[in-house]
Amino acid sequence: MQVFRGVHHPGIASACALTIGNFDGVHRGHQAMLALLHSEGRHRGLPTSVLTFEPHPRDFFAQRSGRPELAPPRIATLRDKLGELERCGVDQAIVVRFDEAFAGQSPQAFIDDMLVAGLGARYVLVGDDFRFGARRAGDYAMLDAAGQAQGFDVARMMSYEVHGLRVSSSAVRGALAEGNMELTASLLGRPYSISGHVTHGRRLGRELGRSSSAHDDGFRTLNLRFPHARAAAMGVYAVQVHGLADEALPGVASLGVRPTVEDAGRVLLEVHCLAWPAALGPEGGYGKLVRVELLHKLRDEARYDGLAALTAAIRKDVADARAFLAGHAAQRRQTTRDRI
């Protein structure tokens, strides 16, 4: 998949089948839309394109109004969103900066400059609640009329449901806020995960819980930065880590602002692998691109009165994660036998 910043780029295809949206989480409703887009694109001999935005429009308007708390918690980073779009077979992703100039575009200017001149759209697929242009003045009827006048087809996809629940980014955020990782996975069609490069931290985890044994490295952690002020999932989780070894590694992770030791406001994912690959060596994780699946929420993030209390909490988290992951592995083995 090719990724472009902005629509005025010489590498963008001269014509395309297009869909437009934030695609936060790339949930099963998004996936159904992208499958339809893929089918239409191949039928028409057109590459498939997704026009998406960074920052999220609601982030922009929340900051502009001086009320950042109104911005929705972010489900996925841009990296993860683009990765899921590629998995869905998208040929081109066009990431447009949502700023004052973009927000002030009239609906007709959006159609003329973005869809027609910028992307050469021949087929445009949107959701049933799609709005566009300044003050969200543009709607499906306006887009459809413009398509008839300017030579592109327009289609609308209605809501997608799973077990009677409308699948949406808001529903995914709600499931994550409740710590319901099973429902989250059902809405996404996969376990919820966060990926990123492992960065250096304060190395505090190596000191927490360190025993007198020369082989005890305490609670060594892999640190991944979550580049948004608010994450849809916060707390401590039993996880699986992909990218360090041939198989997924069991672990326990904390996603939050580290209130006991830092509380600087930045969101960090700290992962402690329960079985560290000896081949990596003590420093072998740094710089690697890993993907962390959050399988089960153990508890909310908490502030503790000192490092001793924090260490005790982490020990319990490790024990709880081991217990969950042992049961999870047994359940997967049973499911595999049942399928066979």
Foldseek 3Di string as FASTA:
>chain_A
DAEAEDLPDVVADLEAAEEEDACQLCWPQNLVLLLVSVVVCVVVVGAYEYEHEPPDVQCAVCVVVVHNVRRAAGQADPVVSVVVSVVSPHDYYYYYYDHPVQLAFAPVCCCVVPVPVRRNYQEYEYEQADFGHHVSPRDQVNVCVVCVVPHHHYYYDYFDDDPRHTQDPVVLLVCQLVQNQVVNCVGRVHFRKYKAFFADDPLVQQVQPADPDPPRRHQDWTKGFDPDLGHSHFAKAWKWKPFQDPDTFTWIWGWQQPQAPGNPRTTMIIIGTPDHDVVCPPPNRGGTMMMMGGRGHDDGDDHDDDSNVVSVVVVVRGVVSVVVVVVVVVVVVVVVVVVD
